[in-house]
Amino acid sequence: MTFDRLQKTLQLIDEADAQDPRTVLVKGAPQPYELAYSQWMTDWVKRLDPNASEELLIAARGQHLRRWEIPRDKYPDDRKGYLLWRETLKSFHAEEVGKIMRRAGYPEASIENGLGGGIGVRVRLAIGQGLLQGIEQTGRGLLFRFGRSGSP
């Protein structure tokens, strides 16, 4: 794990999400909603797997990056509008997290194709907001399965 690049990426995501005008109470203090959500997601992943990959940590932290900029109420109030909104968010999040990773010094191959030959963060983010399809215990630890919800 390249600690400096990872920390820079998470910091840049946090700085972006700190601009969220919506707030939520965290331990009694108001905090930007998406900042609180992204940190909660990262903590949850670390709790499930203390040795989680850089990709997984970045994808968890960035899956709602600046989500308030694309409000749901700008799309038709039906299933088709909802699905269009979700697809728009997926592309937006993948593109924006990719930009942040570039700023933090990740090579293009890591962003598009993945670190260590795995699938890239952009691909994982584009899969959907339901980032984790499943988690299995293996002889080597936890295995995170990615894919669309409901896929075989």
C-alpha atoms as a PDB file:
ATOM      1  CA  MET A   1       0.000   0.000   0.000  1.00  0.00           C
ATOM      2  CA  THR A   2       1.397   3.377  -0.989  1.00  0.00           C
ATOM      3  CA  PHE A   3       0.525   5.242   2.188  1.00  0.00           C
ATOM      4  CA  ASP A   4       1.243   8.797   0.965  1.00  0.00           C
ATOM      5  CA  ARG A   5      -0.869   8.491  -2.196  1.00  0.00           C
ATOM      6  CA  LEU A   6      -3.674   6.797  -0.324  1.00  0.00           C
ATOM      7  CA  GLN A   7      -3.703   9.403   2.440  1.00  0.00           C
ATOM      8  CA  LYS A   8      -3.609  12.237  -0.115  1.00  0.00           C
ATOM      9  CA  THR A   9      -6.519  10.683  -2.016  1.00  0.00           C
ATOM     10  CA  LEU A  10      -8.624  10.252   1.130  1.00  0.00           C
ATOM     11  CA  GLN A  11      -7.756  13.800   2.226  1.00  0.00           C
ATOM     12  CA  LEU A  12      -8.841  15.257  -1.138  1.00  0.00           C
ATOM     13  CA  ILE A  13     -12.100  13.292  -1.035  1.00  0.00           C
ATOM     14  CA  ASP A  14     -12.720  14.576   2.499  1.00  0.00           C
ATOM     15  CA  GLU A  15     -11.996  18.164   1.449  1.00  0.00           C
ATOM     16  CA  ALA A  16     -14.524  17.870  -1.367  1.00  0.00           C
ATOM     17  CA  ASP A  17     -17.163  16.248   0.846  1.00  0.00           C
ATOM     18  CA  ALA A  18     -16.598  18.846   3.573  1.00  0.00           C
ATOM     19  CA  GLN A  19     -18.311  21.318   1.209  1.00  0.00           C
ATOM     20  CA  ASP A  20     -21.655  19.506   1.537  1.00  0.00           C
ATOM     21  CA  PRO A  21     -24.211  22.088   2.734  1.00  0.00           C
ATOM     22  CA  ARG A  22     -26.275  19.353   4.400  1.00  0.00           C
ATOM     23  CA  THR A  23     -25.308  18.343   7.912  1.00  0.00           C
ATOM     24  CA  VAL A  24     -25.796  15.437  10.247  1.00  0.00           C
ATOM     25  CA  LEU A  25     -25.024  15.182  13.954  1.00  0.00           C
ATOM     26  CA  VAL A  26     -21.986  13.035  14.717  1.00  0.00           C
ATOM     27  CA  LYS A  27     -21.372  12.565  18.424  1.00  0.00           C
ATOM     28  CA  GLY A  28     -23.498  15.644  19.057  1.00  0.00           C
ATOM     29  CA  ALA A  29     -21.699  17.959  16.625  1.00  0.00           C
ATOM     30  CA  PRO A  30     -22.877  18.949  13.129  1.00  0.00           C
ATOM     31  CA  GLN A  31     -20.757  17.573  10.306  1.00  0.00           C
ATOM     32  CA  PRO A  32     -21.185  17.753   6.513  1.00  0.00           C
ATOM     33  CA  TYR A  33     -23.402  14.810   5.571  1.00  0.00           C
ATOM     34  CA  GLU A  34     -21.275  13.243   2.829  1.00  0.00           C
ATOM     35  CA  LEU A  35     -18.087  13.711   4.842  1.00  0.00           C
ATOM     36  CA  ALA A  36     -19.627  11.785   7.738  1.00  0.00           C
ATOM     37  CA  TYR A  37     -21.002   9.116   5.379  1.00  0.00           C
ATOM     38  CA  SER A  38     -17.699   8.571   3.544  1.00  0.00           C
ATOM     39  CA  GLN A  39     -15.730   8.307   6.764  1.00  0.00           C
ATOM     40  CA  TRP A  40     -18.295   5.892   8.167  1.00  0.00           C
ATOM     41  CA  MET A  41     -18.000   3.730   5.028  1.00  0.00           C
ATOM     42  CA  THR A  42     -14.214   3.681   5.269  1.00  0.00           C
ATOM     43  CA  ASP A  43     -14.362   2.763   8.964  1.00  0.00           C
ATOM     44  CA  TRP A  44     -16.840  -0.015   8.193  1.00  0.00           C
ATOM     45  CA  VAL A  45     -14.579  -1.494   5.499  1.00  0.00           C
ATOM     46  CA  LYS A  46     -11.583  -1.361   7.863  1.00  0.00           C
ATOM     47  CA  ARG A  47     -13.649  -3.062  10.533  1.00  0.00           C
ATOM     48  CA  LEU A  48     -14.580  -5.866   8.141  1.00  0.00           C
ATOM     49  CA  ASP A  49     -11.038  -6.159   6.815  1.00  0.00           C
ATOM     50  CA  PRO A  50      -8.210  -4.363   8.655  1.00  0.00           C
ATOM     51  CA  ASN A  51      -5.966  -5.088   5.631  1.00  0.00           C
ATOM     52  CA  ALA A  52      -8.375  -3.764   3.007  1.00  0.00           C
ATOM     53  CA  SER A  53      -6.802  -2.814  -0.308  1.00  0.00           C
ATOM     54  CA  GLU A  54      -6.165   0.764  -1.377  1.00  0.00           C
ATOM     55  CA  GLU A  55      -8.771   0.365  -4.094  1.00  0.00           C
ATOM     56  CA  LEU A  56     -11.441  -0.740  -1.658  1.00  0.00           C
ATOM     57  CA  LEU A  57     -10.666   2.089   0.771  1.00  0.00           C
ATOM     58  CA  ILE A  58     -10.751   4.682  -2.017  1.00  0.00           C
ATOM     59  CA  ALA A  59     -13.930   3.258  -3.517  1.00  0.00           C
ATOM     60  CA  ALA A  60     -15.656   3.211  -0.121  1.00  0.00           C
ATOM     61  CA  ARG A  61     -14.565   6.776   0.635  1.00  0.00           C
ATOM     62  CA  GLY A  62     -15.493   8.127  -2.792  1.00  0.00           C
ATOM     63  CA  GLN A  63     -18.731   6.350  -3.597  1.00  0.00           C
ATOM     64  CA  HIS A  64     -20.848   9.426  -2.710  1.00  0.00           C
ATOM     65  CA  LEU A  65     -18.294  12.111  -3.592  1.00  0.00           C
ATOM     66  CA  ARG A  66     -20.059  15.503  -3.896  1.00  0.00           C
ATOM     67  CA  ARG A  67     -23.357  13.696  -4.317  1.00  0.00           C
ATOM     68  CA  TRP A  68     -25.373  16.772  -3.351  1.00  0.00           C
ATOM     69  CA  GLU A  69     -24.322  18.392  -6.648  1.00  0.00           C
ATOM     70  CA  ILE A  70     -26.624  16.023  -8.545  1.00  0.00           C
ATOM     71  CA  PRO A  71     -29.877  16.169  -6.559  1.00  0.00           C
ATOM     72  CA  ARG A  72     -32.516  13.491  -7.005  1.00  0.00           C
ATOM     73  CA  ASP A  73     -35.272  16.075  -7.443  1.00  0.00           C
ATOM     74  CA  LYS A  74     -33.759  17.205 -10.771  1.00  0.00           C
ATOM     75  CA  TYR A  75     -34.872  13.901 -12.320  1.00  0.00           C
ATOM     76  CA  PRO A  76     -38.386  12.568 -12.973  1.00  0.00           C
ATOM     77  CA  ASP A  77     -40.105  11.217  -9.867  1.00  0.00           C
ATOM     78  CA  ASP A  78     -40.495   7.686 -11.184  1.00  0.00           C
ATOM     79  CA  ARG A  79     -38.405   4.530 -11.481  1.00  0.00           C
ATOM     80  CA  LYS A  80     -36.955   5.566 -14.831  1.00  0.00           C
ATOM     81  CA  GLY A  81     -35.899   8.933 -13.378  1.00  0.00           C
ATOM     82  CA  TYR A  82     -34.402   7.235 -10.336  1.00  0.00           C
ATOM     83  CA  LEU A  83     -32.377   4.824 -12.464  1.00  0.00           C
ATOM     84  CA  LEU A  84     -31.158   7.663 -14.693  1.00  0.00           C
ATOM     85  CA  TRP A  85     -30.107   9.610 -11.586  1.00  0.00           C
ATOM     86  CA  ARG A  86     -28.199   6.581 -10.254  1.00  0.00           C
ATOM     87  CA  GLU A  87     -26.407   6.009 -13.568  1.00  0.00           C
ATOM     88  CA  THR A  88     -25.463   9.695 -13.696  1.00  0.00           C
ATOM     89  CA  LEU A  89     -24.080   9.482 -10.156  1.00  0.00           C
ATOM     90  CA  LYS A  90     -22.060   6.354 -10.928  1.00  0.00           C
ATOM     91  CA  SER A  91     -20.321   8.025 -13.855  1.00  0.00           C
ATOM     92  CA  PHE A  92     -19.812  11.270 -11.937  1.00  0.00           C
ATOM     93  CA  HIS A  93     -18.317   9.524  -8.904  1.00  0.00           C
ATOM     94  CA  ALA A  94     -16.006   7.355 -11.001  1.00  0.00           C
ATOM     95  CA  GLU A  95     -14.766  10.347 -13.009  1.00  0.00           C
ATOM     96  CA  GLU A  96     -14.264  12.605  -9.984  1.00  0.00           C
ATOM     97  CA  VAL A  97     -12.490   9.967  -7.889  1.00  0.00           C
ATOM     98  CA  GLY A  98     -10.247   9.281 -10.890  1.00  0.00           C
ATOM     99  CA  LYS A  99      -9.335  12.994 -11.034  1.00  0.00           C
ATOM    100  CA  ILE A 100      -8.509  12.996  -7.329  1.00  0.00           C
ATOM    101  CA  MET A 101      -6.358   9.878  -7.666  1.00  0.00           C
ATOM    102  CA  ARG A 102      -4.422  11.537 -10.498  1.00  0.00           C
ATOM    103  CA  ARG A 103      -3.815  14.604  -8.298  1.00  0.00           C
ATOM    104  CA  ALA A 104      -2.562  12.308  -5.539  1.00  0.00           C
ATOM    105  CA  GLY A 105      -0.050  10.684  -7.899  1.00  0.00           C
ATOM    106  CA  TYR A 106      -1.678   7.401  -8.913  1.00  0.00           C
ATOM    107  CA  PRO A 107      -0.744   6.232 -12.406  1.00  0.00           C
ATOM    108  CA  GLU A 108      -3.509   5.945 -14.991  1.00  0.00           C
ATOM    109  CA  ALA A 109      -3.270   2.155 -15.001  1.00  0.00           C
ATOM    110  CA  SER A 110      -4.103   2.041 -11.288  1.00  0.00           C
ATOM    111  CA  ILE A 111      -7.155   4.209 -11.810  1.00  0.00           C
ATOM    112  CA  GLU A 112      -8.490   2.392 -14.858  1.00  0.00           C
ATOM    113  CA  ASN A 113      -7.211  -1.164 -14.472  1.00  0.00           C
ATOM    114  CA  GLY A 114      -6.549  -1.524 -10.780  1.00  0.00           C
ATOM    115  CA  LEU A 115      -3.612  -1.830  -8.468  1.00  0.00           C
ATOM    116  CA  GLY A 116      -1.807  -5.129  -8.685  1.00  0.00           C
ATOM    117  CA  GLY A 117      -3.814  -6.246 -11.708  1.00  0.00           C
ATOM    118  CA  GLY A 118      -7.256  -6.001 -10.058  1.00  0.00           C
ATOM    119  CA  ILE A 119     -10.189  -4.054 -11.374  1.00  0.00           C
ATOM    120  CA  GLY A 120      -9.804  -0.288 -11.201  1.00  0.00           C
ATOM    121  CA  VAL A 121     -11.428   2.039  -8.713  1.00  0.00           C
ATOM    122  CA  ARG A 122     -13.373   3.689 -11.545  1.00  0.00           C
ATOM    123  CA  VAL A 123     -14.842   0.322 -12.475  1.00  0.00           C
ATOM    124  CA  ARG A 124     -15.765  -0.433  -8.874  1.00  0.00           C
ATOM    125  CA  LEU A 125     -17.409   2.951  -8.449  1.00  0.00           C
ATOM    126  CA  ALA A 126     -19.240   2.566 -11.735  1.00  0.00           C
ATOM    127  CA  ILE A 127     -20.637  -0.770 -10.564  1.00  0.00           C
ATOM    128  CA  GLY A 128     -22.991   1.079  -8.291  1.00  0.00           C
ATOM    129  CA  GLN A 129     -23.712   2.573  -4.952  1.00  0.00           C
ATOM    130  CA  GLY A 130     -24.193  -0.940  -3.550  1.00  0.00           C
ATOM    131  CA  LEU A 131     -20.433  -1.293  -3.675  1.00  0.00           C
ATOM    132  CA  LEU A 132     -20.113  -4.651  -2.007  1.00  0.00           C
ATOM    133  CA  GLN A 133     -22.145  -7.504  -3.390  1.00  0.00           C
ATOM    134  CA  GLY A 134     -20.885  -9.919  -0.808  1.00  0.00           C
ATOM    135  CA  ILE A 135     -18.199 -10.799   1.659  1.00  0.00           C
ATOM    136  CA  GLU A 136     -16.876 -14.310   2.224  1.00  0.00           C
ATOM    137  CA  GLN A 137     -14.453 -15.675   4.779  1.00  0.00           C
ATOM    138  CA  THR A 138     -11.621 -17.536   3.052  1.00  0.00           C
ATOM    139  CA  GLY A 139      -8.483 -19.269   4.271  1.00  0.00           C
ATOM    140  CA  ARG A 140      -6.572 -16.058   3.466  1.00  0.00           C
ATOM    141  CA  GLY A 141      -9.020 -13.676   5.129  1.00  0.00           C
ATOM    142  CA  LEU A 142     -12.045 -11.815   3.866  1.00  0.00           C
ATOM    143  CA  LEU A 143     -12.950 -11.874   0.178  1.00  0.00           C
ATOM    144  CA  PHE A 144     -14.935  -8.911  -1.113  1.00  0.00           C
ATOM    145  CA  ARG A 145     -17.099  -9.681  -4.148  1.00  0.00           C
ATOM    146  CA  PHE A 146     -18.033  -6.805  -6.413  1.00  0.00           C
ATOM    147  CA  GLY A 147     -20.896  -6.728  -8.858  1.00  0.00           C
ATOM    148  CA  ARG A 148     -24.365  -5.460  -9.489  1.00  0.00           C
ATOM    149  CA  SER A 149     -26.918  -6.280  -6.827  1.00  0.00           C
ATOM    150  CA  GLY A 150     -29.032  -9.184  -7.900  1.00  0.00           C
ATOM    151  CA  SER A 151     -26.441 -10.554 -10.338  1.00  0.00           C
ATOM    152  CA  PRO A 152     -25.826 -14.287 -10.275  1.00  0.00           C
END
